[in-house]
Amino acid sequence: MDLYSQLMTAVTTGRGGEVKKLVEQGLNDGLAATEIINQGLVAGMSIIAEKFKNNEIFVPEVMLAARAMHAGLAILKPLLVGTEHEPLGKVVIGTVKGDQHDIGKNLVAMMLEGAGFEIIDLGSNVATEKFIAAVKEKQAHILALSALLTTTMPEMAVVVQELEKNGLRTAVKVMIGGAPVSQSYADKIGADGYAPDAGMAVELAKSLISQ
């Protein structure tokens, strides 16, 4: 089994210590950091995303795999400064104002990072102006909004309206998710898409970025 296959296996089985060793071994063997990320870590997380989507694994396994991936990324990220490593796109993500829930949002952020996106995670209970500032400052390609309460869903509409007021709406794709949210609600508030779970969020983000 080659090193990339070993890395993929270590990621999918959540073995962070082994991921670290394999990453260091790859670097010592002269492999490029970008190749280790794409062919090892991201490839492993792609398998996890597919299994999660098909209900073959559940949240705990995804969390373990994401932690293992981050163990490798922690070694590799400093080596990427000044290189040509281009993420698939930049995603600003957060749970809207008034809503402290973040487990689903964290899972989506992990899966998107595992798929090769650069993530700017603003956390939970995020004020609209903070979303707007981050989209502007980071020149984000996607804004991902989460809400777990029916009472906070209207904040998503407020964010979309503020993007329009600030002339940013055409520059960024908006995707939404969370238990009370639906595709019809996405259509109603003028968002670009809705994902019912983290696996679908990855597919949606990829499709939005290619438009």
N, C-alpha and C. Protein backbone atom coordinates (compact mmCIF):
# COMPACT_ATOMS: atom_id res chain seq x y z
N MET A 1 0.85 -1.20 0.00
CA MET A 1 0.00 0.00 0.00
C MET A 1 0.88 1.25 0.00
N ASP A 2 0.63 2.18 -0.94
CA ASP A 2 1.46 3.39 -0.97
C ASP A 2 1.09 4.35 0.16
N LEU A 3 1.91 5.36 0.35
CA LEU A 3 1.72 6.28 1.47
C LEU A 3 0.38 7.00 1.42
N TYR A 4 -0.05 7.40 0.23
CA TYR A 4 -1.34 8.10 0.12
C TYR A 4 -2.50 7.21 0.55
N SER A 5 -2.43 5.93 0.14
CA SER A 5 -3.48 4.98 0.53
C SER A 5 -3.48 4.77 2.04
N GLN A 6 -2.27 4.68 2.62
CA GLN A 6 -2.16 4.53 4.08
C GLN A 6 -2.74 5.75 4.79
N LEU A 7 -2.46 6.93 4.24
CA LEU A 7 -2.99 8.17 4.82
C LEU A 7 -4.51 8.21 4.76
N MET A 8 -5.05 7.85 3.60
CA MET A 8 -6.50 7.82 3.45
C MET A 8 -7.14 6.89 4.49
N THR A 9 -6.53 5.72 4.67
CA THR A 9 -7.04 4.75 5.63
C THR A 9 -6.95 5.30 7.05
N ALA A 10 -5.83 5.94 7.37
CA ALA A 10 -5.64 6.51 8.71
C ALA A 10 -6.66 7.61 8.99
N VAL A 11 -6.96 8.42 7.97
CA VAL A 11 -7.97 9.48 8.13
C VAL A 11 -9.35 8.86 8.33
N THR A 12 -9.72 7.94 7.46
CA THR A 12 -11.08 7.38 7.52
C THR A 12 -11.33 6.59 8.80
N THR A 13 -10.26 6.08 9.41
CA THR A 13 -10.42 5.33 10.66
C THR A 13 -10.12 6.19 11.88
N GLY A 14 -9.85 7.48 11.66
CA GLY A 14 -9.70 8.42 12.76
C GLY A 14 -8.44 8.26 13.59
N ARG A 15 -7.35 7.78 12.96
CA ARG A 15 -6.11 7.58 13.71
C ARG A 15 -5.16 8.76 13.51
N GLY A 16 -5.33 9.78 14.36
CA GLY A 16 -4.56 11.02 14.23
C GLY A 16 -3.07 10.85 14.39
N GLY A 17 -2.65 10.00 15.35
CA GLY A 17 -1.22 9.76 15.57
C GLY A 17 -0.56 9.16 14.34
N GLU A 18 -1.26 8.23 13.71
CA GLU A 18 -0.73 7.59 12.49
C GLU A 18 -0.69 8.60 11.34
N VAL A 19 -1.71 9.46 11.26
CA VAL A 19 -1.72 10.50 10.21
C VAL A 19 -0.47 11.37 10.34
N LYS A 20 -0.17 11.80 11.56
CA LYS A 20 1.02 12.64 11.79
C LYS A 20 2.29 11.94 11.30
N LYS A 21 2.44 10.68 11.71
CA LYS A 21 3.65 9.92 11.32
C LYS A 21 3.77 9.80 9.81
N LEU A 22 2.63 9.50 9.17
CA LEU A 22 2.65 9.32 7.71
C LEU A 22 2.94 10.63 6.99
N VAL A 23 2.38 11.74 7.49
CA VAL A 23 2.65 13.06 6.90
C VAL A 23 4.14 13.37 7.00
N GLU A 24 4.69 13.14 8.19
CA GLU A 24 6.14 13.42 8.38
C GLU A 24 6.99 12.52 7.49
N GLN A 25 6.56 11.26 7.37
CA GLN A 25 7.29 10.32 6.49
C GLN A 25 7.24 10.79 5.05
N GLY A 26 6.05 11.25 4.61
CA GLY A 26 5.90 11.74 3.25
C GLY A 26 6.79 12.94 2.97
N LEU A 27 6.84 13.86 3.92
CA LEU A 27 7.69 15.04 3.76
C LEU A 27 9.17 14.64 3.70
N ASN A 28 9.56 13.69 4.55
CA ASN A 28 10.95 13.20 4.55
C ASN A 28 11.30 12.51 3.24
N ASP A 29 10.28 11.90 2.62
CA ASP A 29 10.49 11.22 1.33
C ASP A 29 10.48 12.20 0.15
N GLY A 30 10.24 13.49 0.47
CA GLY A 30 10.27 14.51 -0.58
C GLY A 30 8.95 14.78 -1.27
N LEU A 31 7.85 14.26 -0.71
CA LEU A 31 6.54 14.53 -1.32
C LEU A 31 6.12 15.97 -1.02
N ALA A 32 5.41 16.59 -1.97
CA ALA A 32 4.96 17.98 -1.80
C ALA A 32 3.80 18.03 -0.81
N ALA A 33 3.78 19.09 0.00
CA ALA A 33 2.71 19.26 1.00
C ALA A 33 1.34 19.27 0.33
N THR A 34 1.24 19.93 -0.82
CA THR A 34 -0.06 20.00 -1.51
C THR A 34 -0.53 18.62 -1.95
N GLU A 35 0.41 17.78 -2.40
CA GLU A 35 0.05 16.43 -2.84
C GLU A 35 -0.42 15.59 -1.66
N ILE A 36 0.27 15.74 -0.52
CA ILE A 36 -0.11 14.98 0.68
C ILE A 36 -1.52 15.38 1.11
N ILE A 37 -1.81 16.68 1.04
CA ILE A 37 -3.14 17.15 1.39
C ILE A 37 -4.19 16.59 0.44
N ASN A 38 -3.97 16.80 -0.86
CA ASN A 38 -5.00 16.43 -1.84
C ASN A 38 -5.18 14.92 -2.00
N GLN A 39 -4.05 14.19 -2.09
CA GLN A 39 -4.14 12.75 -2.38
C GLN A 39 -4.26 11.89 -1.13
N GLY A 40 -3.99 12.49 0.05
CA GLY A 40 -4.10 11.74 1.29
C GLY A 40 -5.25 12.22 2.15
N LEU A 41 -5.12 13.45 2.67
CA LEU A 41 -6.10 13.95 3.64
C LEU A 41 -7.46 14.23 3.01
N VAL A 42 -7.48 15.01 1.91
CA VAL A 42 -8.75 15.35 1.27
C VAL A 42 -9.40 14.11 0.66
N ALA A 43 -8.58 13.24 0.09
CA ALA A 43 -9.12 11.99 -0.49
C ALA A 43 -9.78 11.14 0.59
N GLY A 44 -9.16 11.10 1.77
CA GLY A 44 -9.74 10.36 2.89
C GLY A 44 -11.05 10.95 3.34
N MET A 45 -11.10 12.26 3.45
CA MET A 45 -12.33 12.93 3.88
C MET A 45 -13.43 12.81 2.84
N SER A 46 -13.06 12.67 1.57
CA SER A 46 -14.06 12.47 0.51
C SER A 46 -14.79 11.14 0.71
N ILE A 47 -14.02 10.13 1.14
CA ILE A 47 -14.63 8.82 1.43
C ILE A 47 -15.60 8.95 2.60
N ILE A 48 -15.16 9.70 3.62
CA ILE A 48 -16.00 9.92 4.81
C ILE A 48 -17.30 10.64 4.42
N ALA A 49 -17.17 11.67 3.59
CA ALA A 49 -18.34 12.45 3.15
C ALA A 49 -19.35 11.56 2.43
N GLU A 50 -18.85 10.68 1.58
CA GLU A 50 -19.71 9.78 0.81
C GLU A 50 -20.42 8.78 1.75
N LYS A 51 -19.64 8.23 2.69
CA LYS A 51 -20.22 7.27 3.64
C LYS A 51 -21.26 7.94 4.54
N PHE A 52 -20.98 9.18 4.94
CA PHE A 52 -21.91 9.91 5.80
C PHE A 52 -23.21 10.18 5.05
N LYS A 53 -23.06 10.55 3.79
CA LYS A 53 -24.24 10.84 2.96
C LYS A 53 -25.12 9.60 2.79
N ASN A 54 -24.46 8.45 2.73
CA ASN A 54 -25.19 7.20 2.53
C ASN A 54 -25.61 6.53 3.84
N ASN A 55 -25.46 7.26 4.96
CA ASN A 55 -25.83 6.73 6.29
C ASN A 55 -25.06 5.47 6.67
N GLU A 56 -23.83 5.34 6.13
CA GLU A 56 -22.99 4.18 6.49
C GLU A 56 -22.21 4.47 7.78
N ILE A 57 -21.97 5.75 8.04
CA ILE A 57 -21.33 6.18 9.28
C ILE A 57 -22.11 7.37 9.84
N PHE A 58 -21.79 7.75 11.07
CA PHE A 58 -22.55 8.82 11.72
C PHE A 58 -21.62 9.89 12.29
N VAL A 59 -22.20 10.86 12.96
CA VAL A 59 -21.44 12.04 13.40
C VAL A 59 -20.16 11.70 14.18
N PRO A 60 -20.17 10.77 15.15
CA PRO A 60 -18.92 10.49 15.89
C PRO A 60 -17.76 10.08 14.99
N GLU A 61 -18.05 9.23 13.98
CA GLU A 61 -16.99 8.80 13.05
C GLU A 61 -16.48 9.96 12.21
N VAL A 62 -17.39 10.84 11.82
CA VAL A 62 -16.97 12.02 11.04
C VAL A 62 -16.06 12.92 11.88
N MET A 63 -16.44 13.12 13.14
CA MET A 63 -15.63 13.95 14.04
C MET A 63 -14.22 13.36 14.21
N LEU A 64 -14.16 12.03 14.38
CA LEU A 64 -12.86 11.37 14.54
C LEU A 64 -12.00 11.55 13.29
N ALA A 65 -12.61 11.35 12.15
CA ALA A 65 -11.87 11.50 10.88
C ALA A 65 -11.40 12.94 10.70
N ALA A 66 -12.27 13.90 11.03
CA ALA A 66 -11.91 15.31 10.89
C ALA A 66 -10.74 15.67 11.81
N ARG A 67 -10.75 15.12 13.03
CA ARG A 67 -9.64 15.37 13.96
C ARG A 67 -8.33 14.80 13.41
N ALA A 68 -8.43 13.61 12.83
CA ALA A 68 -7.24 12.98 12.24
C ALA A 68 -6.71 13.81 11.08
N MET A 69 -7.64 14.32 10.25
CA MET A 69 -7.24 15.19 9.13
C MET A 69 -6.54 16.44 9.65
N HIS A 70 -7.10 17.05 10.72
CA HIS A 70 -6.51 18.27 11.27
C HIS A 70 -5.12 18.02 11.85
N ALA A 71 -4.88 16.82 12.35
CA ALA A 71 -3.55 16.47 12.87
C ALA A 71 -2.51 16.58 11.75
N GLY A 72 -2.93 16.14 10.56
CA GLY A 72 -2.03 16.25 9.40
C GLY A 72 -1.91 17.67 8.88
N LEU A 73 -3.05 18.37 8.83
CA LEU A 73 -3.05 19.75 8.34
C LEU A 73 -2.19 20.66 9.21
N ALA A 74 -2.16 20.39 10.52
CA ALA A 74 -1.38 21.22 11.44
C ALA A 74 0.10 21.21 11.06
N ILE A 75 0.58 20.09 10.55
CA ILE A 75 1.98 19.98 10.12
C ILE A 75 2.18 20.63 8.75
N LEU A 76 1.20 20.45 7.88
CA LEU A 76 1.36 20.85 6.48
C LEU A 76 1.06 22.32 6.20
N LYS A 77 0.10 22.90 6.92
CA LYS A 77 -0.32 24.27 6.62
C LYS A 77 0.82 25.28 6.65
N PRO A 78 1.71 25.24 7.67
CA PRO A 78 2.81 26.22 7.68
C PRO A 78 3.72 26.12 6.45
N LEU A 79 3.76 24.93 5.83
CA LEU A 79 4.62 24.73 4.66
C LEU A 79 3.98 25.27 3.38
N LEU A 80 2.69 25.62 3.45
CA LEU A 80 1.97 26.06 2.25
C LEU A 80 2.11 27.57 2.02
N VAL A 81 2.61 28.28 3.01
CA VAL A 81 2.75 29.74 2.88
C VAL A 81 3.67 30.05 1.70
N GLY A 82 3.16 30.85 0.79
CA GLY A 82 3.97 31.24 -0.37
C GLY A 82 3.99 30.21 -1.48
N THR A 83 3.25 29.10 -1.31
CA THR A 83 3.19 28.12 -2.39
C THR A 83 1.96 28.40 -3.25
N GLU A 84 1.78 27.59 -4.26
CA GLU A 84 0.66 27.79 -5.19
C GLU A 84 -0.58 26.99 -4.78
N HIS A 85 -0.60 26.54 -3.52
CA HIS A 85 -1.76 25.73 -3.08
C HIS A 85 -3.01 26.60 -3.06
N GLU A 86 -3.93 26.27 -3.94
CA GLU A 86 -5.17 27.04 -4.04
C GLU A 86 -6.33 26.24 -3.48
N PRO A 87 -7.06 26.78 -2.50
CA PRO A 87 -8.25 26.07 -2.03
C PRO A 87 -9.33 26.09 -3.11
N LEU A 88 -10.32 25.22 -2.98
CA LEU A 88 -11.45 25.21 -3.94
C LEU A 88 -12.17 26.55 -3.92
N GLY A 89 -12.19 27.17 -2.75
CA GLY A 89 -12.87 28.46 -2.58
C GLY A 89 -12.87 28.82 -1.11
N LYS A 90 -13.23 30.07 -0.82
CA LYS A 90 -13.30 30.53 0.57
C LYS A 90 -14.74 30.53 1.04
N VAL A 91 -14.96 29.93 2.21
CA VAL A 91 -16.31 29.85 2.77
C VAL A 91 -16.34 30.55 4.13
N VAL A 92 -17.19 31.57 4.24
CA VAL A 92 -17.47 32.16 5.56
C VAL A 92 -18.69 31.41 6.10
N ILE A 93 -18.57 30.90 7.32
CA ILE A 93 -19.66 30.11 7.89
C ILE A 93 -19.95 30.54 9.33
N GLY A 94 -21.23 30.45 9.71
CA GLY A 94 -21.59 30.79 11.08
C GLY A 94 -23.07 30.54 11.33
N THR A 95 -23.41 30.46 12.62
CA THR A 95 -24.82 30.37 13.03
C THR A 95 -25.32 31.78 13.27
N VAL A 96 -26.52 32.08 12.81
CA VAL A 96 -27.03 33.45 12.82
C VAL A 96 -27.30 34.00 14.22
N LYS A 97 -27.50 35.30 14.29
CA LYS A 97 -27.71 36.01 15.55
C LYS A 97 -28.87 35.42 16.34
N GLY A 98 -28.66 35.27 17.66
CA GLY A 98 -29.70 34.75 18.54
C GLY A 98 -29.69 33.24 18.69
N ASP A 99 -28.81 32.56 17.93
CA ASP A 99 -28.79 31.10 17.91
C ASP A 99 -27.40 30.61 18.33
N GLN A 100 -27.37 29.88 19.45
CA GLN A 100 -26.08 29.41 19.99
C GLN A 100 -25.69 28.02 19.49
N HIS A 101 -26.56 27.37 18.73
CA HIS A 101 -26.28 26.00 18.29
C HIS A 101 -25.12 25.98 17.28
N ASP A 102 -24.19 25.04 17.48
CA ASP A 102 -23.06 25.02 16.54
C ASP A 102 -22.58 23.63 16.15
N ILE A 103 -23.22 22.57 16.67
CA ILE A 103 -22.72 21.22 16.34
C ILE A 103 -22.84 20.94 14.84
N GLY A 104 -24.02 21.20 14.28
CA GLY A 104 -24.22 20.98 12.84
C GLY A 104 -23.33 21.87 12.01
N LYS A 105 -23.23 23.13 12.42
CA LYS A 105 -22.37 24.09 11.71
C LYS A 105 -20.92 23.64 11.74
N ASN A 106 -20.46 23.15 12.90
CA ASN A 106 -19.07 22.68 13.03
C ASN A 106 -18.82 21.48 12.12
N LEU A 107 -19.80 20.60 12.03
CA LEU A 107 -19.68 19.42 11.18
C LEU A 107 -19.56 19.82 9.71
N VAL A 108 -20.41 20.75 9.29
CA VAL A 108 -20.35 21.25 7.91
C VAL A 108 -18.99 21.89 7.64
N ALA A 109 -18.50 22.70 8.59
CA ALA A 109 -17.20 23.37 8.42
C ALA A 109 -16.08 22.34 8.26
N MET A 110 -16.11 21.30 9.08
CA MET A 110 -15.10 20.24 8.99
C MET A 110 -15.14 19.53 7.65
N MET A 111 -16.36 19.21 7.22
CA MET A 111 -16.51 18.48 5.95
C MET A 111 -16.07 19.34 4.76
N LEU A 112 -16.39 20.63 4.82
CA LEU A 112 -15.99 21.53 3.73
C LEU A 112 -14.47 21.68 3.70
N GLU A 113 -13.88 21.79 4.89
CA GLU A 113 -12.41 21.89 4.94
C GLU A 113 -11.78 20.61 4.41
N GLY A 114 -12.39 19.48 4.79
CA GLY A 114 -11.90 18.19 4.30
C GLY A 114 -12.00 18.06 2.80
N ALA A 115 -12.96 18.76 2.21
CA ALA A 115 -13.15 18.71 0.75
C ALA A 115 -12.22 19.68 0.02
N GLY A 116 -11.47 20.50 0.78
CA GLY A 116 -10.50 21.39 0.15
C GLY A 116 -10.85 22.86 0.14
N PHE A 117 -11.90 23.24 0.86
CA PHE A 117 -12.26 24.66 0.97
C PHE A 117 -11.50 25.32 2.11
N GLU A 118 -11.25 26.61 1.96
CA GLU A 118 -10.69 27.40 3.07
C GLU A 118 -11.88 27.90 3.89
N ILE A 119 -11.85 27.66 5.19
CA ILE A 119 -12.98 27.97 6.06
C ILE A 119 -12.68 29.14 6.98
N ILE A 120 -13.59 30.11 6.99
CA ILE A 120 -13.55 31.21 7.96
C ILE A 120 -14.78 31.03 8.84
N ASP A 121 -14.57 30.41 10.01
CA ASP A 121 -15.67 30.06 10.90
C ASP A 121 -15.88 31.18 11.92
N LEU A 122 -17.03 31.84 11.84
CA LEU A 122 -17.33 32.96 12.74
C LEU A 122 -18.01 32.51 14.03
N GLY A 123 -18.29 31.21 14.15
CA GLY A 123 -18.90 30.69 15.38
C GLY A 123 -20.42 30.79 15.36
N SER A 124 -21.00 30.92 16.55
CA SER A 124 -22.46 30.99 16.67
C SER A 124 -22.88 32.37 17.17
N ASN A 125 -24.20 32.63 17.08
CA ASN A 125 -24.75 33.92 17.51
C ASN A 125 -24.02 35.08 16.81
N VAL A 126 -23.89 34.97 15.50
CA VAL A 126 -23.11 35.94 14.72
C VAL A 126 -23.99 37.08 14.23
N ALA A 127 -23.61 38.30 14.54
CA ALA A 127 -24.35 39.48 14.10
C ALA A 127 -24.23 39.63 12.58
N THR A 128 -25.27 40.17 11.97
CA THR A 128 -25.30 40.33 10.51
C THR A 128 -24.09 41.12 10.00
N GLU A 129 -23.76 42.21 10.70
CA GLU A 129 -22.63 43.04 10.24
C GLU A 129 -21.31 42.28 10.24
N LYS A 130 -21.20 41.29 11.13
CA LYS A 130 -19.97 40.48 11.17
C LYS A 130 -19.87 39.59 9.94
N PHE A 131 -21.01 39.02 9.52
CA PHE A 131 -21.03 38.24 8.28
C PHE A 131 -20.63 39.12 7.09
N ILE A 132 -21.22 40.31 7.02
CA ILE A 132 -20.96 41.22 5.90
C ILE A 132 -19.48 41.61 5.86
N ALA A 133 -18.93 41.94 7.02
CA ALA A 133 -17.52 42.35 7.10
C ALA A 133 -16.59 41.22 6.67
N ALA A 134 -16.91 39.99 7.10
CA ALA A 134 -16.06 38.85 6.76
C ALA A 134 -16.10 38.54 5.26
N VAL A 135 -17.30 38.59 4.67
CA VAL A 135 -17.43 38.35 3.23
C VAL A 135 -16.61 39.37 2.45
N LYS A 136 -16.69 40.61 2.88
CA LYS A 136 -15.97 41.70 2.21
C LYS A 136 -14.46 41.55 2.38
N GLU A 137 -14.04 41.38 3.64
CA GLU A 137 -12.61 41.33 3.95
C GLU A 137 -11.93 40.11 3.35
N LYS A 138 -12.58 38.95 3.44
CA LYS A 138 -11.96 37.71 2.97
C LYS A 138 -12.23 37.44 1.50
N GLN A 139 -13.09 38.27 0.88
CA GLN A 139 -13.49 38.05 -0.52
C GLN A 139 -14.00 36.61 -0.70
N ALA A 140 -14.94 36.25 0.18
CA ALA A 140 -15.47 34.89 0.21
C ALA A 140 -16.25 34.55 -1.06
N HIS A 141 -16.17 33.30 -1.45
CA HIS A 141 -16.94 32.80 -2.59
C HIS A 141 -18.32 32.31 -2.14
N ILE A 142 -18.35 31.80 -0.89
CA ILE A 142 -19.60 31.24 -0.35
C ILE A 142 -19.82 31.74 1.07
N LEU A 143 -21.07 32.05 1.39
CA LEU A 143 -21.47 32.36 2.76
C LEU A 143 -22.44 31.27 3.19
N ALA A 144 -22.08 30.53 4.24
CA ALA A 144 -22.91 29.43 4.72
C ALA A 144 -23.55 29.83 6.06
N LEU A 145 -24.89 29.89 6.08
CA LEU A 145 -25.62 30.32 7.26
C LEU A 145 -26.38 29.15 7.88
N SER A 146 -26.28 29.04 9.22
CA SER A 146 -26.97 27.98 9.93
C SER A 146 -27.96 28.56 10.93
N ALA A 147 -29.10 27.89 11.10
CA ALA A 147 -30.08 28.26 12.13
C ALA A 147 -30.75 26.98 12.62
N LEU A 148 -30.84 26.82 13.93
CA LEU A 148 -31.48 25.63 14.50
C LEU A 148 -32.82 25.95 15.13
N LEU A 149 -33.15 27.22 15.21
CA LEU A 149 -34.41 27.63 15.84
C LEU A 149 -35.30 28.32 14.80
N THR A 150 -36.59 28.05 14.85
CA THR A 150 -37.51 28.73 13.92
C THR A 150 -37.50 30.24 14.19
N THR A 151 -37.22 30.62 15.43
CA THR A 151 -37.22 32.05 15.79
C THR A 151 -36.02 32.80 15.21
N THR A 152 -34.95 32.07 14.86
CA THR A 152 -33.77 32.75 14.31
C THR A 152 -33.67 32.65 12.79
N MET A 153 -34.52 31.84 12.19
CA MET A 153 -34.52 31.72 10.72
C MET A 153 -34.61 33.08 10.01
N PRO A 154 -35.46 34.01 10.47
CA PRO A 154 -35.57 35.30 9.77
C PRO A 154 -34.24 36.07 9.67
N GLU A 155 -33.29 35.75 10.57
CA GLU A 155 -31.98 36.42 10.51
C GLU A 155 -31.27 36.10 9.21
N MET A 156 -31.54 34.92 8.65
CA MET A 156 -30.92 34.54 7.38
C MET A 156 -31.36 35.51 6.28
N ALA A 157 -32.65 35.84 6.29
CA ALA A 157 -33.19 36.79 5.30
C ALA A 157 -32.55 38.16 5.48
N VAL A 158 -32.34 38.55 6.73
CA VAL A 158 -31.71 39.86 7.03
C VAL A 158 -30.30 39.90 6.44
N VAL A 159 -29.54 38.81 6.61
CA VAL A 159 -28.17 38.76 6.08
C VAL A 159 -28.18 38.90 4.56
N VAL A 160 -29.08 38.18 3.90
CA VAL A 160 -29.16 38.24 2.43
C VAL A 160 -29.49 39.68 1.98
N GLN A 161 -30.45 40.31 2.68
CA GLN A 161 -30.82 41.70 2.35
C GLN A 161 -29.65 42.66 2.53
N GLU A 162 -28.87 42.44 3.60
CA GLU A 162 -27.71 43.32 3.86
C GLU A 162 -26.60 43.12 2.82
N LEU A 163 -26.47 41.90 2.35
CA LEU A 163 -25.50 41.65 1.27
C LEU A 163 -25.87 42.48 0.05
N GLU A 164 -27.17 42.49 -0.25
CA GLU A 164 -27.66 43.26 -1.40
C GLU A 164 -27.41 44.75 -1.20
N LYS A 165 -27.74 45.25 0.00
CA LYS A 165 -27.53 46.68 0.30
C LYS A 165 -26.08 47.09 0.16
N ASN A 166 -25.18 46.16 0.51
CA ASN A 166 -23.74 46.45 0.46
C ASN A 166 -23.09 46.11 -0.89
N GLY A 167 -23.95 45.76 -1.86
CA GLY A 167 -23.43 45.47 -3.20
C GLY A 167 -22.60 44.20 -3.30
N LEU A 168 -22.83 43.27 -2.37
CA LEU A 168 -22.02 42.05 -2.32
C LEU A 168 -22.77 40.80 -2.81
N ARG A 169 -24.05 40.94 -3.08
CA ARG A 169 -24.86 39.75 -3.35
C ARG A 169 -24.39 38.98 -4.58
N THR A 170 -23.97 39.69 -5.61
CA THR A 170 -23.54 38.98 -6.82
C THR A 170 -22.14 38.39 -6.67
N ALA A 171 -21.42 38.84 -5.65
CA ALA A 171 -20.04 38.38 -5.47
C ALA A 171 -19.95 37.10 -4.66
N VAL A 172 -21.00 36.76 -3.93
CA VAL A 172 -20.94 35.61 -3.03
C VAL A 172 -22.20 34.74 -3.16
N LYS A 173 -22.00 33.44 -3.13
CA LYS A 173 -23.13 32.49 -3.12
C LYS A 173 -23.55 32.25 -1.67
N VAL A 174 -24.85 32.19 -1.43
CA VAL A 174 -25.36 31.97 -0.07
C VAL A 174 -26.01 30.60 0.03
N MET A 175 -25.52 29.78 0.96
CA MET A 175 -26.15 28.49 1.21
C MET A 175 -26.60 28.44 2.67
N ILE A 176 -27.74 27.81 2.92
CA ILE A 176 -28.29 27.77 4.27
C ILE A 176 -28.58 26.34 4.70
N GLY A 177 -28.63 26.13 6.03
CA GLY A 177 -28.94 24.82 6.56
C GLY A 177 -29.39 24.91 8.01
N GLY A 178 -29.86 23.78 8.53
CA GLY A 178 -30.36 23.73 9.90
C GLY A 178 -31.72 23.06 9.94
N ALA A 179 -32.06 22.50 11.09
CA ALA A 179 -33.28 21.68 11.23
C ALA A 179 -34.56 22.33 10.69
N PRO A 180 -34.85 23.61 10.98
CA PRO A 180 -36.13 24.16 10.53
C PRO A 180 -36.12 24.70 9.11
N VAL A 181 -34.95 24.67 8.47
CA VAL A 181 -34.77 25.32 7.16
C VAL A 181 -35.09 24.34 6.03
N SER A 182 -35.50 24.86 4.89
CA SER A 182 -35.85 24.01 3.75
C SER A 182 -35.45 24.70 2.44
N GLN A 183 -35.56 23.94 1.35
CA GLN A 183 -35.28 24.52 0.04
C GLN A 183 -36.26 25.64 -0.29
N SER A 184 -37.51 25.46 0.11
CA SER A 184 -38.52 26.50 -0.18
C SER A 184 -38.20 27.79 0.58
N TYR A 185 -37.64 27.63 1.80
CA TYR A 185 -37.25 28.82 2.55
C TYR A 185 -36.05 29.49 1.90
N ALA A 186 -35.12 28.69 1.39
CA ALA A 186 -33.96 29.24 0.67
C ALA A 186 -34.45 30.06 -0.53
N ASP A 187 -35.41 29.49 -1.26
CA ASP A 187 -35.97 30.20 -2.43
C ASP A 187 -36.65 31.50 -1.99
N LYS A 188 -37.37 31.42 -0.90
CA LYS A 188 -38.14 32.57 -0.41
C LYS A 188 -37.24 33.76 -0.05
N ILE A 189 -36.08 33.47 0.59
CA ILE A 189 -35.21 34.58 1.04
C ILE A 189 -34.15 34.94 0.01
N GLY A 190 -34.11 34.20 -1.10
CA GLY A 190 -33.15 34.53 -2.16
C GLY A 190 -31.77 33.95 -1.96
N ALA A 191 -31.68 32.85 -1.17
CA ALA A 191 -30.40 32.15 -1.02
C ALA A 191 -30.16 31.30 -2.27
N ASP A 192 -28.91 30.89 -2.47
CA ASP A 192 -28.58 30.12 -3.68
C ASP A 192 -28.77 28.63 -3.52
N GLY A 193 -28.89 28.17 -2.27
CA GLY A 193 -29.08 26.74 -2.08
C GLY A 193 -29.29 26.37 -0.63
N TYR A 194 -29.77 25.13 -0.45
CA TYR A 194 -30.04 24.58 0.88
C TYR A 194 -29.47 23.17 0.94
N ALA A 195 -28.84 22.83 2.07
CA ALA A 195 -28.34 21.47 2.25
C ALA A 195 -28.92 20.88 3.53
N PRO A 196 -29.52 19.68 3.45
CA PRO A 196 -30.13 19.07 4.62
C PRO A 196 -29.14 18.46 5.60
N ASP A 197 -27.89 18.20 5.12
CA ASP A 197 -26.88 17.63 6.01
C ASP A 197 -25.49 18.00 5.51
N ALA A 198 -24.48 17.60 6.30
CA ALA A 198 -23.10 18.01 5.99
C ALA A 198 -22.58 17.42 4.68
N GLY A 199 -22.97 16.17 4.40
CA GLY A 199 -22.54 15.55 3.14
C GLY A 199 -23.07 16.29 1.93
N MET A 200 -24.35 16.63 2.00
CA MET A 200 -24.97 17.38 0.90
C MET A 200 -24.41 18.81 0.82
N ALA A 201 -24.00 19.36 1.97
CA ALA A 201 -23.43 20.72 1.98
C ALA A 201 -22.16 20.77 1.14
N VAL A 202 -21.37 19.71 1.20
CA VAL A 202 -20.13 19.64 0.40
C VAL A 202 -20.48 19.64 -1.09
N GLU A 203 -21.44 18.81 -1.46
CA GLU A 203 -21.85 18.74 -2.88
C GLU A 203 -22.41 20.08 -3.35
N LEU A 204 -23.23 20.71 -2.50
CA LEU A 204 -23.81 22.00 -2.85
C LEU A 204 -22.74 23.06 -3.04
N ALA A 205 -21.78 23.10 -2.10
CA ALA A 205 -20.70 24.09 -2.18
C ALA A 205 -19.90 23.92 -3.46
N LYS A 206 -19.61 22.67 -3.80
CA LYS A 206 -18.84 22.39 -5.03
C LYS A 206 -19.62 22.85 -6.26
N SER A 207 -20.95 22.61 -6.25
CA SER A 207 -21.74 23.00 -7.42
C SER A 207 -21.85 24.53 -7.51
N LEU A 208 -21.96 25.20 -6.36
CA LEU A 208 -22.06 26.66 -6.36
C LEU A 208 -20.78 27.31 -6.83
N ILE A 209 -19.65 26.72 -6.45
CA ILE A 209 -18.36 27.30 -6.79
C ILE A 209 -18.07 27.16 -8.29
N SER A 210 -18.71 26.16 -8.92
CA SER A 210 -18.44 25.94 -10.35
C SER A 210 -19.39 26.73 -11.25
N GLN A 211 -20.34 27.44 -10.64
CA GLN A 211 -21.31 28.21 -11.46
C GLN A 211 -20.70 29.49 -11.97
